[in-house]
Structures are given as structure tokens and as C-alpha cells.
């Protein structure tokens, strides 16, 4: 009796690493790096895979009805200590003194509160609570210097707030009305201010927080016009040792770089570079220091100053890194649509290894941020965080909301944890990796199964499907993981047991249905614990060219 013919194998199993290359809106959708992603929401590119972001809890609530929290300010003196307990985990208070600003006043939020107490009244005008701030310590003590967009200059000495007035007496400022000062920076032991709706900056004597202010007008050096938006510091090694450069940025995108110490002397302080970066968003907050670099957010993207000075004065060439190439089309579109709105911000969260760019709510874009993993220099989107203003407090990150709350970010494995509660909503995420032709770009393929390999401390909820031929759709199927338990080395069976430990492995095949010449997984997740996606496996059956 003749033997039956063997059925030829016509399907393949392919494993693709997690998209640690991050969000990519730059390259052709048909020619992306396999570790990039078409969509990556609330999943952060990291060393071992992509990890789900942490959630947020309500820290302070019941501010006056209808008053948005416009600023978070913090005072931190030389003798300030951190509260006892585990750092960054479920704090019951924050180090130093922390204040939330609404248009009506500054409120003490050092500890969680549902009855915020006002410590300094403000005028109630539209942006009276919109502050910039800087710390300065001199022989008289440690001072939090703060400048309101509408109410001018204030300072806090660790006990009380003071508001200088114009004059020549003690505690006053002469030369300019302090009510017109809307931005403050401590640079090389000298306090600098921006005068509202002008091209002028003002500076005080070394180590002084009041006294005679002298003007410095940048207007003639702004070829694109506009007002002085903000001042910043940029630290580089310019060939003569590490130095702090002074940076002045106009609202229309001119960037002036100065070197020196004494602005009253042309020989001791002078311009060494002038550049253009595109329109600067409203609010004076869309910049931050990243290591020694200065990151500027403009309609041209997220631009390091070390990048814009490349090819300019040899003195200033510091680095060839450019952090926003892959997301420039996306963030550029958001910036062009909303650069006149407040809510653009940039800040670092070191313990979470994140550089975050806040986006104002506009049109259908709500509760959105861009986040860059500082371990990979790659990007993702955050969604579901209703942030309006941000503040870093000794490693903690707080955000104020438009509906009058303060949230503690990245402190929970849940979103929307109510005040005083310990649980909230699962954190929802989207993963759409780069499309692949799986080695046969001209041939149709049938996609049979997909298996995400995840590590998590709790069972994640996953919906999974396949997108073909560069279409991006939400998944229709649901994958239900069984809860794994840890196994002991030398007693469990290889290939059937799972590793023990705080993170467990979840990996089950999900049946999918799709036919096309290219495909990619489409994954929706809800997590309630530390979670990492390590890889994605595909079972594909090749067909013909039609």
C-alpha cells in the first residue's frame, strides 16, 4: 500500500522584538525599522521592551469652583529633608513646601488635602496663577522666586510670601515696576526677569532678590520680531572648560546665546550665537534642561540647542543628537494648531527616565502628552492624564488640572485614583508595531495567529488582531491570559513552567484573520500592575502573488 504523501509545511513562526524604537511618523510606513511603531500609546520604549506607564492619584482637591490650577511651585532649603518612608512610593507629604496656584491665590499642598488653604492672595485675573519660578540661596536665607504672568514678582522665604513694590526702600525694586515682571531665572548668582510684552530683560545685583534692576534689551537682535518669551541656561564645554551660557528666546523663535558674567560690561558679557527655531508656543514653559543640554519646543519640533548650533560658531558645537526626528510631523502639527494656547510644557522625570512634553487641549486632542524614554531617546504618546500645568518636587511630579485638582503622577498602577483611595481605573494602552512583509514582500500571506509575550505582576487584559496592507484599525478579538504561578528551579518541567518572581510571563496564541502582503499586530491593553511587552510572535501562511 503506497504511503500517503507528506503535507508540506506552508506556515512559518516569526518572532519580532517589542517596538523599543518608539513612535515613528517620519519614515515610510512600508519601510520602517522592525522595532519602530506606527502607534504607541501609554507604552514606553525601554531597555528590555516597552513598559506601561504608571498612573496618577488625586493629591489635592476642592479648589474654588471653576478655578484651574495654573502652576505648581516648590521651595527646598539646604536643611530640607525628605519625609520618612520609601522614596516616590505612596508619599504622605512632600519635601520642603509645595504650592498650587489658581488665579485667586497660592495654596499650600505640601501634604494631601481636600481643604486647600490659601497662603497668598492673587488678583483673580485670567493668568494671575501662571508662574515661573527659581530658587536662590544667599546669606539671608533660601528664597523661592516666582513671577506671575498677570500679577508680577513674588518671593517666599520658607515661612511667608512677599510681594515687592516699586521704590528704593528695603524689600523694594527700583528701575522697573515689579508688577510687570512675568518670568524669573537665577543665572550665575544673578536674578533675571522678563518684562511682560516687551523685548527687555531686567537683572539685579549678584545674590540680590530686590534692589536696583538694570535693563537689557534684546529687541534689535530679534530679526523675526516678537517679544522676549523666556530666558534659560545652557551648560556645555566650549573648549575652555564647562561653562553656563545664557539663552534668550523670542516669541517668534529667535535664539540668542551669550557668554560671560557681568551684563553691565560689554567685555565681560557678549553674544556668541544667534539662531532661529520657529514659532515658540504660548506660556513660557516649553523648554527644559536635559543633562547639560537645553531642549526648546517650537513649531520645528523638540530641538536641543546643541543641535541648532551645529555648523555655527565652533565654540558652541556640543552634540549631534536630535531628539524629535521621528515625531516631528506629529508634534509639529499639534504645535501649529495650538501654539497660541497655554499648556505646552517640557520637563524631566528622572526616576521614570522620561522627558515629557505637555500638549494643550484643543479640538479633539485632549489629555495628551509626548514622552521620550531617556534610556532609548525614543518616543511614545501618553493619553488619559488630564494635565494642564506641571511641577517637579524633589523627584515627584505633580500636575494641575483645568477642573481644579492637583494630581500626583507616576505613583500608582491605576489611573484616576480618587482622593484618599488606593485603586482606580486600569491603564489603557495601544501598541501598533511596524508593518512587515515577513521576507516575501510580493506575496499574499494569511495571518493565522499572534502571540504577545508579556511580563507583568498581574494578569493584563489584552485585545489583539492583525492589520494588513498598512491599514490601522482597532482590534476585534480578546485574548484572556490565564494567571501563571512561579515555579522552582530543578523541580518544574522545562517549557511548561514559568519563572517565579515579581513579574510573571504571559504568552498565549490568539487566533486572527487577515490576508495581505504586509501585516502587523494591533494590540489594546489594560494593565493594573508593572507590565512589559518583550516580543510579538506571528504564525503566517504564505500564498501566491495575487
Protein backbone atom coordinates (compact mmCIF):
# COMPACT_ATOMS: atom_id res chain seq x y z
CA UNK A 1 0.00 0.00 0.00
CA UNK A 2 1.56 3.29 -1.01
CA UNK A 3 2.41 5.74 1.72
CA UNK A 4 0.39 8.96 1.85
CA UNK A 5 2.32 11.97 0.67
CA UNK A 6 3.60 14.21 3.43
CA UNK A 7 1.82 17.52 3.68
CA UNK A 8 4.39 20.25 3.07
CA UNK A 9 4.82 22.83 5.80
CA UNK A 10 3.38 26.08 4.49
CA UNK A 11 3.35 28.28 7.57
CA UNK A 12 6.15 29.98 9.48
CA UNK A 13 6.60 31.27 13.01
CA UNK A 14 8.34 34.62 13.30
CA UNK A 15 9.26 36.50 16.49
CA UNK A 16 9.66 40.28 16.45
CA UNK A 17 11.11 42.28 19.38
CA UNK A 18 8.91 44.82 21.14
CA UNK A 19 8.91 48.24 19.43
CA UNK A 20 11.64 49.84 21.54
CA UNK A 21 12.42 52.11 18.58
CA UNK A 22 9.33 54.02 19.58
CA UNK A 23 6.76 56.03 17.67
CA UNK A 24 7.72 56.74 14.05
CA UNK A 25 5.86 59.25 11.93
CA UNK A 26 8.92 60.11 9.84
CA UNK A 27 9.67 57.04 7.71
CA UNK A 28 7.62 55.34 5.04
CA UNK A 29 5.04 53.04 6.59
CA UNK A 30 6.31 50.35 4.20
CA UNK A 31 9.94 50.74 5.20
CA UNK A 32 10.17 51.22 8.96
CA UNK A 33 12.67 49.61 11.23
CA UNK A 34 11.09 46.43 12.66
CA UNK A 35 11.44 47.79 16.21
CA UNK A 36 9.54 51.03 15.45
CA UNK A 37 5.83 51.60 15.94
CA UNK A 38 3.01 53.22 13.97
CA UNK A 39 1.17 53.84 17.26
CA UNK A 40 2.49 53.53 20.81
CA UNK A 41 0.21 54.91 23.48
CA UNK A 42 0.99 54.67 27.21
CA UNK A 43 3.78 52.17 26.48
CA UNK A 44 7.32 53.49 26.95
CA UNK A 45 10.32 52.25 24.92
CA UNK A 46 12.84 50.89 27.40
CA UNK A 47 15.83 48.57 27.70
CA UNK A 48 14.03 45.20 27.92
CA UNK A 49 10.93 46.01 25.89
CA UNK A 50 8.12 48.55 26.11
CA UNK A 51 6.75 49.16 29.61
CA UNK A 52 3.37 50.53 30.57
CA UNK A 53 3.45 53.96 32.18
CA UNK A 54 2.36 54.37 35.78
CA UNK A 55 -0.87 56.10 36.78
CA UNK A 56 -1.93 59.02 38.96
CA UNK A 57 -3.77 59.78 42.19
CA UNK A 58 -5.61 62.86 43.38
CA UNK A 59 -3.31 64.79 45.73
CA UNK A 60 -5.32 67.96 46.38
CA UNK A 61 -8.97 68.70 45.53
CA UNK A 62 -11.75 71.21 46.20
CA UNK A 63 -10.03 74.35 44.98
CA UNK A 64 -12.51 77.21 44.33
CA UNK A 65 -15.12 76.17 41.78
CA UNK A 66 -14.22 76.93 38.21
CA UNK A 67 -10.60 77.79 39.02
CA UNK A 68 -7.93 75.95 37.09
CA UNK A 69 -4.63 75.09 38.77
CA UNK A 70 -2.17 77.03 36.64
CA UNK A 71 1.15 76.38 38.41
CA UNK A 72 2.93 74.08 40.87
CA UNK A 73 5.74 75.77 42.84
CA UNK A 74 8.14 74.27 45.37
CA UNK A 75 10.55 75.63 47.98
CA UNK A 76 13.51 73.48 49.02
CA UNK A 77 16.08 74.80 51.52
CA UNK A 78 19.55 73.49 52.47
CA UNK A 79 18.17 71.86 55.63
CA UNK A 80 15.09 70.37 53.96
CA UNK A 81 14.83 66.60 54.37
CA UNK A 82 12.67 64.04 52.66
CA UNK A 83 9.77 62.56 54.64
CA UNK A 84 10.43 59.12 56.11
CA UNK A 85 9.34 56.08 54.11
CA UNK A 86 10.07 54.74 50.66
CA UNK A 87 11.14 57.36 48.14
CA UNK A 88 8.47 58.12 45.49
CA UNK A 89 6.13 55.39 46.76
CA UNK A 90 2.82 56.48 48.32
CA UNK A 91 4.14 59.67 49.98
CA UNK A 92 2.09 61.18 52.80
CA UNK A 93 3.83 64.54 52.34
CA UNK A 94 6.36 66.16 50.03
CA UNK A 95 9.76 67.66 50.93
CA UNK A 96 10.03 71.38 51.62
CA UNK A 97 6.98 73.46 50.80
CA UNK A 98 4.73 72.97 47.77
CA UNK A 99 2.15 75.41 46.43
CA UNK A 100 -0.61 75.23 43.82
CA UNK A 101 -1.56 78.48 42.12
CA UNK A 102 -5.01 79.36 40.83
CA UNK A 103 -5.93 82.85 39.57
CA UNK A 104 -7.20 83.58 43.11
CA UNK A 105 -4.19 82.56 45.17
CA UNK A 106 -1.35 80.28 46.19
CA UNK A 107 -2.37 77.24 48.26
CA UNK A 108 -0.21 75.01 50.46
CA UNK A 109 -0.35 71.44 49.11
CA UNK A 110 2.75 70.03 50.82
CA UNK A 111 0.52 67.27 52.19
CA UNK A 112 -2.55 65.73 50.52
CA UNK A 113 -5.59 67.88 51.17
CA UNK A 114 -9.27 68.14 50.35
CA UNK A 115 -9.43 71.55 52.07
CA UNK A 116 -6.70 73.66 50.38
CA UNK A 117 -5.55 76.61 52.49
CA UNK A 118 -4.63 79.87 50.73
CA UNK A 119 -1.24 81.34 51.72
CA UNK A 120 -1.05 84.30 49.33
CA UNK A 121 -3.96 86.02 47.61
CA UNK A 122 -3.73 86.86 43.89
CA UNK A 123 -5.72 89.29 41.77
CA UNK A 124 -8.05 86.75 40.16
CA UNK A 125 -7.16 87.93 36.66
CA UNK A 126 -7.03 85.34 33.88
CA UNK A 127 -3.40 84.25 34.27
CA UNK A 128 -2.57 85.53 37.75
CA UNK A 129 -1.73 81.94 38.77
CA UNK A 130 0.53 81.33 35.77
CA UNK A 131 4.01 81.43 37.36
CA UNK A 132 7.60 80.74 36.50
CA UNK A 133 9.93 80.11 39.43
CA UNK A 134 13.53 79.67 40.52
CA UNK A 135 15.39 79.10 43.81
CA UNK A 136 18.17 81.33 45.20
CA UNK A 137 20.07 80.96 48.48
CA UNK A 138 22.12 83.85 49.86
CA UNK A 139 23.35 84.96 53.29
CA UNK A 140 19.79 85.95 54.23
CA UNK A 141 18.27 82.53 53.57
CA UNK A 142 16.71 80.40 50.85
CA UNK A 143 14.11 82.02 48.61
CA UNK A 144 11.59 80.74 46.10
CA UNK A 145 11.36 83.46 43.43
CA UNK A 146 8.15 83.44 41.41
CA UNK A 147 6.83 85.68 38.64
CA UNK A 148 3.15 85.69 37.65
CA UNK A 149 2.03 86.43 34.11
CA UNK A 150 -0.52 88.97 35.39
CA UNK A 151 0.49 89.81 38.99
CA UNK A 152 4.26 90.23 38.76
CA UNK A 153 7.05 89.28 41.15
CA UNK A 154 6.74 87.45 44.49
CA UNK A 155 9.18 85.60 46.73
CA UNK A 156 8.83 83.05 49.55
CA UNK A 157 11.39 82.77 52.37
CA UNK A 158 10.34 79.40 53.79
CA UNK A 159 7.67 80.92 56.01
CA UNK A 160 5.77 83.75 54.27
CA UNK A 161 5.21 85.20 50.81
CA UNK A 162 6.23 88.77 50.00
CA UNK A 163 5.35 90.96 47.01
CA UNK A 164 7.90 93.70 46.30
CA UNK A 165 6.68 97.10 45.19
CA UNK A 166 8.41 99.75 43.10
CA UNK A 167 10.69 102.05 45.03
CA UNK A 168 14.13 102.48 46.54
CA UNK A 169 13.44 101.19 50.02
CA UNK A 170 14.24 97.86 51.67
CA UNK A 171 12.41 94.97 50.02
CA UNK A 172 11.50 97.11 47.01
CA UNK A 173 12.67 97.15 43.38
CA UNK A 174 13.70 100.27 41.51
CA UNK A 175 14.13 100.74 37.78
CA UNK A 176 11.08 98.72 36.77
CA UNK A 177 7.67 98.06 38.25
CA UNK A 178 7.84 94.50 39.72
CA UNK A 179 4.16 94.10 38.78
CA UNK A 180 5.32 93.96 35.13
CA UNK A 181 7.83 91.13 35.65
CA UNK A 182 6.39 87.89 34.26
CA UNK A 183 9.35 85.47 34.22
CA UNK A 184 12.28 84.82 36.54
CA UNK A 185 15.61 82.97 36.23
CA UNK A 186 18.56 82.62 38.60
CA UNK A 187 21.70 82.56 36.41
CA UNK A 188 25.24 82.68 37.77
CA UNK A 189 24.06 84.07 41.14
CA UNK A 190 22.12 86.86 39.45
CA UNK A 191 18.33 87.11 39.23
CA UNK A 192 16.98 87.93 35.77
CA UNK A 193 13.40 88.87 34.84
CA UNK A 194 11.37 89.23 31.64
CA UNK A 195 9.23 92.36 31.40
CA UNK A 196 5.80 91.48 30.06
CA UNK A 197 5.04 92.26 26.38
CA UNK A 198 8.47 93.77 25.69
CA UNK A 199 11.88 92.66 24.41
CA UNK A 200 13.52 93.74 27.69
CA UNK A 201 15.05 91.70 30.47
CA UNK A 202 15.99 93.10 33.88
CA UNK A 203 18.66 91.89 36.27
CA UNK A 204 19.59 92.53 39.91
CA UNK A 205 22.90 92.73 41.72
CA UNK A 206 24.71 89.46 42.47
CA UNK A 207 22.84 87.37 45.09
CA UNK A 208 20.11 90.05 45.47
CA UNK A 209 16.38 89.35 45.30
CA UNK A 210 15.33 93.03 45.49
CA UNK A 211 17.07 96.37 44.90
CA UNK A 212 18.03 98.21 41.75
CA UNK A 213 17.15 96.48 38.48
CA UNK A 214 19.07 97.17 35.28
CA UNK A 215 17.65 96.65 31.81
CA UNK A 216 18.99 94.61 28.92
CA UNK A 217 17.09 94.99 25.64
CA UNK A 218 17.33 92.16 23.10
CA UNK A 219 14.94 93.73 20.59
CA UNK A 220 17.49 94.82 17.99
CA UNK A 221 18.81 91.24 17.81
CA UNK A 222 15.42 89.64 17.11
CA UNK A 223 15.27 89.67 13.28
CA UNK A 224 11.87 87.95 13.29
CA UNK A 225 10.38 90.39 15.78
CA UNK A 226 8.11 89.43 18.63
CA UNK A 227 8.57 89.75 22.40
CA UNK A 228 11.05 88.18 24.80
CA UNK A 229 9.46 84.85 25.74
CA UNK A 230 11.86 83.40 28.30
CA UNK A 231 15.45 83.09 29.49
CA UNK A 232 17.35 79.87 30.13
CA UNK A 233 20.74 78.39 30.97
CA UNK A 234 22.72 76.04 28.71
CA UNK A 235 25.75 74.19 30.07
CA UNK A 236 28.43 72.98 27.66
CA UNK A 237 32.17 72.52 27.33
CA UNK A 238 33.11 75.11 24.73
CA UNK A 239 36.77 74.15 24.63
CA UNK A 240 37.73 76.26 27.61
CA UNK A 241 36.10 74.10 30.26
CA UNK A 242 32.45 73.69 31.20
CA UNK A 243 30.51 76.93 31.33
CA UNK A 244 26.90 78.12 31.67
CA UNK A 245 25.70 80.08 28.67
CA UNK A 246 22.80 82.50 28.85
CA UNK A 247 19.98 81.95 26.35
CA UNK A 248 17.28 84.46 25.39
CA UNK A 249 14.37 83.22 23.26
CA UNK A 250 11.84 85.37 21.43
CA UNK A 251 8.20 84.50 20.88
CA UNK A 252 8.86 84.30 17.13
CA UNK A 253 11.71 81.82 17.51
CA UNK A 254 14.96 83.77 17.61
CA UNK A 255 17.50 82.20 19.99
CA UNK A 256 20.37 84.38 21.27
CA UNK A 257 23.28 82.83 23.16
CA UNK A 258 25.52 84.85 25.47
CA UNK A 259 28.72 84.09 27.33
CA UNK A 260 30.09 85.93 30.35
CA UNK A 261 29.27 87.03 33.86
CA UNK A 262 28.53 90.75 34.13
CA UNK A 263 25.84 92.07 31.75
CA UNK A 264 26.86 95.64 32.60
CA UNK A 265 30.21 95.11 30.83
CA UNK A 266 30.48 94.63 27.07
CA UNK A 267 33.83 92.89 27.58
CA UNK A 268 32.54 90.55 30.31
CA UNK A 269 29.24 89.57 28.67
CA UNK A 270 28.53 89.23 24.97
CA UNK A 271 26.63 87.37 22.28
CA UNK A 272 28.30 84.33 20.72
CA UNK A 273 25.47 82.95 18.58
CA UNK A 274 22.07 83.75 17.08
CA UNK A 275 19.74 81.11 15.62
CA UNK A 276 16.13 80.53 14.57
CA UNK A 277 13.93 77.59 15.66
CA UNK A 278 10.39 78.52 14.60
CA UNK A 279 7.41 79.86 16.50
CA UNK A 280 7.51 79.43 20.28
CA UNK A 281 4.25 78.22 21.93
CA UNK A 282 2.49 80.48 24.41
CA UNK A 283 3.09 80.11 28.12
CA UNK A 284 6.90 80.45 28.58
CA UNK A 285 7.21 76.80 29.68
CA UNK A 286 8.02 74.79 26.56
CA UNK A 287 11.69 74.21 27.35
CA UNK A 288 13.82 72.34 29.88
CA UNK A 289 17.36 71.31 30.65
CA UNK A 290 18.26 67.74 29.72
CA UNK A 291 21.62 66.92 31.24
CA UNK A 292 23.82 69.78 30.06
CA UNK A 293 21.65 70.44 27.04
CA UNK A 294 18.74 72.84 26.66
CA UNK A 295 15.62 71.48 24.94
CA UNK A 296 13.40 74.01 23.14
CA UNK A 297 9.92 73.10 21.90
CA UNK A 298 8.92 75.07 18.82
CA UNK A 299 6.93 74.61 15.64
CA UNK A 300 10.04 72.89 14.29
CA UNK A 301 9.79 70.14 16.92
CA UNK A 302 11.67 69.30 20.10
CA UNK A 303 15.05 70.87 19.41
CA UNK A 304 18.23 70.62 21.51
CA UNK A 305 20.24 73.84 21.46
CA UNK A 306 23.31 71.70 20.81
CA UNK A 307 21.61 70.66 17.55
CA UNK A 308 20.69 74.11 16.28
CA UNK A 309 24.22 75.39 16.89
CA UNK A 310 25.81 72.61 14.82
CA UNK A 311 27.65 74.17 11.94
CA UNK A 312 27.57 77.56 13.63
CA UNK A 313 30.27 79.06 15.80
CA UNK A 314 32.82 76.35 16.55
CA UNK A 315 32.74 77.50 20.15
CA UNK A 316 29.21 76.17 20.56
CA UNK A 317 29.25 72.79 18.84
CA UNK A 318 28.38 70.30 21.58
CA UNK A 319 26.44 67.35 20.19
CA UNK A 320 24.81 65.96 17.06
CA UNK A 321 21.83 64.42 18.83
CA UNK A 322 18.39 65.47 17.65
CA UNK A 323 15.60 64.08 19.77
CA UNK A 324 12.42 64.58 17.77
CA UNK A 325 13.06 63.44 14.19
CA UNK A 326 10.62 60.53 14.32
CA UNK A 327 7.76 62.51 15.88
CA UNK A 328 8.36 65.87 14.19
CA UNK A 329 5.38 65.57 11.80
CA UNK A 330 3.04 64.77 14.72
CA UNK A 331 4.25 67.31 17.24
CA UNK A 332 4.67 69.92 14.51
CA UNK A 333 1.01 69.52 13.56
CA UNK A 334 -0.06 69.88 17.20
CA UNK A 335 2.14 72.94 17.67
CA UNK A 336 0.89 74.71 14.57
CA UNK A 337 -2.71 74.12 15.63
CA UNK A 338 -2.27 75.29 19.23
CA UNK A 339 0.89 77.39 19.74
CA UNK A 340 -1.24 80.33 20.88
CA UNK A 341 -2.71 78.21 23.71
CA UNK A 342 -1.23 77.67 27.17
CA UNK A 343 -0.44 74.14 28.22
CA UNK A 344 2.73 73.46 26.24
CA UNK A 345 5.37 72.37 28.72
CA UNK A 346 8.58 70.33 28.87
CA UNK A 347 10.07 68.64 31.92
CA UNK A 348 12.08 65.66 33.09
CA UNK A 349 11.03 62.86 35.41
CA UNK A 350 14.41 61.25 36.22
CA UNK A 351 13.22 58.23 38.20
CA UNK A 352 10.84 57.21 35.40
CA UNK A 353 13.53 58.02 32.80
CA UNK A 354 11.20 60.33 30.90
CA UNK A 355 11.29 63.64 29.07
CA UNK A 356 7.67 64.76 28.77
CA UNK A 357 6.17 67.41 26.50
CA UNK A 358 2.70 68.51 27.55
CA UNK A 359 0.15 69.40 24.86
CA UNK A 360 -2.79 71.77 25.49
CA UNK A 361 -6.33 70.53 24.95
CA UNK A 362 -7.57 71.60 21.55
CA UNK A 363 -10.15 70.29 19.09
CA UNK A 364 -10.27 66.51 19.62
CA UNK A 365 -6.82 66.36 21.25
CA UNK A 366 -7.45 66.05 24.98
CA UNK A 367 -5.29 64.87 27.91
CA UNK A 368 -2.31 64.21 25.65
CA UNK A 369 1.46 64.27 26.12
CA UNK A 370 4.53 63.18 24.20
CA UNK A 371 7.03 61.19 26.26
CA UNK A 372 10.61 60.29 25.40
CA UNK A 373 12.41 57.45 27.13
CA UNK A 374 15.75 58.90 28.23
CA UNK A 375 17.24 55.38 28.22
CA UNK A 376 16.45 54.97 24.49
CA UNK A 377 15.87 58.54 23.22
CA UNK A 378 12.68 57.21 21.62
CA UNK A 379 9.11 58.46 21.87
CA UNK A 380 5.56 57.41 22.65
CA UNK A 381 2.25 59.14 23.39
CA UNK A 382 0.59 59.41 26.78
CA UNK A 383 -3.18 59.67 26.98
CA UNK A 384 -5.70 59.82 29.79
CA UNK A 385 -3.73 62.24 32.02
CA UNK A 386 -5.78 65.48 32.34
CA UNK A 387 -2.71 67.69 32.84
CA UNK A 388 -2.61 71.47 32.41
CA UNK A 389 0.38 72.57 34.49
CA UNK A 390 3.31 70.58 35.86
CA UNK A 391 5.76 70.80 38.73
CA UNK A 392 8.75 68.74 39.88
CA UNK A 393 9.15 68.45 43.65
CA UNK A 394 12.27 66.60 44.76
CA UNK A 395 11.76 63.85 42.18
CA UNK A 396 7.96 63.76 42.46
CA UNK A 397 5.83 65.15 39.63
CA UNK A 398 2.54 66.93 40.24
CA UNK A 399 0.12 68.30 37.69
CA UNK A 400 -2.66 70.84 37.99
CA UNK A 401 -5.88 70.34 36.06
CA UNK A 402 -8.35 72.66 34.43
CA UNK A 403 -11.12 71.44 36.75
CA UNK A 404 -9.30 72.49 39.91
CA UNK A 405 -7.36 69.43 41.14
CA UNK A 406 -3.73 68.52 41.73
CA UNK A 407 -2.64 65.01 40.72
CA UNK A 408 0.45 63.06 41.77
CA UNK A 409 1.79 61.42 38.61
CA UNK A 410 3.55 58.07 38.12
CA UNK A 411 2.83 56.94 41.68
CA UNK A 412 0.25 54.22 41.11
CA UNK A 413 -0.58 51.34 38.80
CA UNK A 414 -4.06 52.86 38.33
CA UNK A 415 -5.36 56.00 36.64
CA UNK A 416 -7.95 58.26 38.28
CA UNK A 417 -7.36 57.13 41.86
CA UNK A 418 -9.75 59.31 43.91
CA UNK A 419 -8.52 61.34 46.87
CA UNK A 420 -7.94 59.03 49.84
CA UNK A 421 -8.48 55.84 47.81
CA UNK A 422 -5.99 53.16 46.79
CA UNK A 423 -7.41 51.95 43.46
CA UNK A 424 -8.84 53.47 40.32
CA UNK A 425 -9.05 52.61 36.62
CA UNK A 426 -6.79 50.27 34.69
CA UNK A 427 -4.28 51.99 32.43
CA UNK A 428 -5.27 51.58 28.79
CA UNK A 429 -2.62 51.29 26.10
CA UNK A 430 -2.22 50.88 22.34
CA UNK A 431 0.60 49.06 20.54
CA UNK A 432 0.74 49.06 16.74
CA UNK A 433 4.24 47.90 15.68
CA UNK A 434 5.77 48.48 12.26
CA UNK A 435 4.36 46.52 9.33
CA UNK A 436 6.37 43.60 7.98
CA UNK A 437 6.31 41.62 4.75
CA UNK A 438 7.86 38.65 6.62
CA UNK A 439 10.50 38.06 3.99
CA UNK A 440 8.17 37.87 0.97
CA UNK A 441 7.10 41.41 0.07
CA UNK A 442 5.39 40.47 -3.22
CA UNK A 443 3.37 37.55 -1.89
CA UNK A 444 -0.01 37.45 -0.22
CA UNK A 445 0.00 35.90 3.24
CA UNK A 446 -2.64 34.60 5.58
CA UNK A 447 -2.14 35.65 9.18
CA UNK A 448 -3.30 32.84 11.45
CA UNK A 449 -2.21 33.62 15.00
CA UNK A 450 -0.40 36.27 17.05
CA UNK A 451 1.21 35.82 20.46
CA UNK A 452 2.33 38.78 22.58
CA UNK A 453 4.92 37.85 25.19
CA UNK A 454 4.37 39.99 28.28
CA UNK A 455 5.85 40.24 31.74
CA UNK A 456 3.52 41.55 34.41
CA UNK A 457 2.91 41.42 38.14
CA UNK A 458 -0.80 40.87 37.47
CA UNK A 459 -2.84 39.43 34.63
CA UNK A 460 -3.13 42.03 31.85
CA UNK A 461 -6.24 42.39 29.72
CA UNK A 462 -5.35 42.24 26.02
CA UNK A 463 -7.36 42.62 22.81
CA UNK A 464 -5.46 41.61 19.70
CA UNK A 465 -5.98 41.49 15.95
CA UNK A 466 -3.95 41.88 12.77
CA UNK A 467 -3.81 44.87 10.45
CA UNK A 468 -2.88 44.18 6.82
CA UNK A 469 -1.69 46.26 3.87
CA UNK A 470 -0.91 49.32 6.02
CA UNK A 471 -4.41 49.82 7.37
CA UNK A 472 -4.54 50.84 11.02
CA UNK A 473 -7.65 49.54 12.79
CA UNK A 474 -8.53 48.70 16.38
CA UNK A 475 -8.54 45.00 17.30
CA UNK A 476 -11.74 42.96 17.40
CA UNK A 477 -10.54 39.91 19.34
CA UNK A 478 -9.85 39.48 23.05
CA UNK A 479 -7.05 37.38 24.50
CA UNK A 480 -7.69 36.04 28.00
CA UNK A 481 -4.48 35.15 29.81
CA UNK A 482 -4.50 32.52 32.50
CA UNK A 483 -2.80 33.53 35.72
CA UNK A 484 0.62 31.91 35.97
CA UNK A 485 2.29 30.93 39.22
CA UNK A 486 6.02 30.81 39.86
CA UNK A 487 8.00 27.57 39.58
CA UNK A 488 11.03 26.26 41.42
CA UNK A 489 14.31 25.63 39.64
CA UNK A 490 15.18 21.92 39.30
CA UNK A 491 11.67 20.76 40.21
CA UNK A 492 9.47 22.14 37.42
CA UNK A 493 9.34 20.91 33.83
CA UNK A 494 11.21 22.89 31.20
CA UNK A 495 8.97 24.55 28.58
CA UNK A 496 5.86 24.13 30.72
CA UNK A 497 6.68 26.00 33.90
CA UNK A 498 7.14 29.75 34.31
CA UNK A 499 9.78 31.66 36.17
CA UNK A 500 8.94 32.81 39.66
CA UNK A 501 9.43 36.36 40.86
CA UNK A 502 7.60 39.66 40.95
CA UNK A 503 6.91 39.60 37.19
CA UNK A 504 5.23 36.61 35.58
CA UNK A 505 5.30 35.66 31.91
CA UNK A 506 2.05 35.76 29.94
CA UNK A 507 2.17 34.33 26.40
CA UNK A 508 -0.78 32.73 24.64
CA UNK A 509 -1.63 32.49 20.97
CA UNK A 510 -4.63 34.45 19.73
CA UNK A 511 -6.37 33.45 16.50
CA UNK A 512 -6.57 36.26 13.95
CA UNK A 513 -7.82 36.50 10.41
CA UNK A 514 -6.22 38.63 7.76
CA UNK A 515 -4.85 38.28 4.24
CA UNK A 516 -2.37 40.70 2.75
CA UNK A 517 1.19 41.25 1.55
CA UNK A 518 2.16 43.01 4.82
CA UNK A 519 0.81 42.85 8.33
CA UNK A 520 1.28 43.94 11.91
CA UNK A 521 -0.32 43.19 15.24
CA UNK A 522 -2.90 45.60 16.65
CA UNK A 523 -2.96 45.42 20.44
CA UNK A 524 -5.12 47.14 23.04
CA UNK A 525 -4.20 46.62 26.70
CA UNK A 526 -5.48 47.38 30.16
CA UNK A 527 -2.95 46.90 32.95
CA UNK A 528 -3.19 47.02 36.73
CA UNK A 529 0.47 46.39 37.58
CA UNK A 530 4.05 46.70 36.36
CA UNK A 531 3.95 45.35 32.79
CA UNK A 532 6.45 44.91 29.96
CA UNK A 533 5.88 43.69 26.40
CA UNK A 534 9.01 41.76 25.37
CA UNK A 535 8.15 40.46 21.91
CA UNK A 536 5.37 39.57 19.45
CA UNK A 537 5.18 36.20 17.66
CA UNK A 538 3.38 35.67 14.34
CA UNK A 539 2.12 32.48 12.69
CA UNK A 540 1.86 33.23 8.95
CA UNK A 541 0.97 31.04 5.93
CA UNK A 542 2.46 32.20 2.63
CA UNK A 543 0.42 32.26 -0.55
CA UNK A 544 0.89 33.42 -4.12
CA UNK A 545 1.45 36.82 -5.71
CA UNK A 546 -2.25 37.59 -6.26
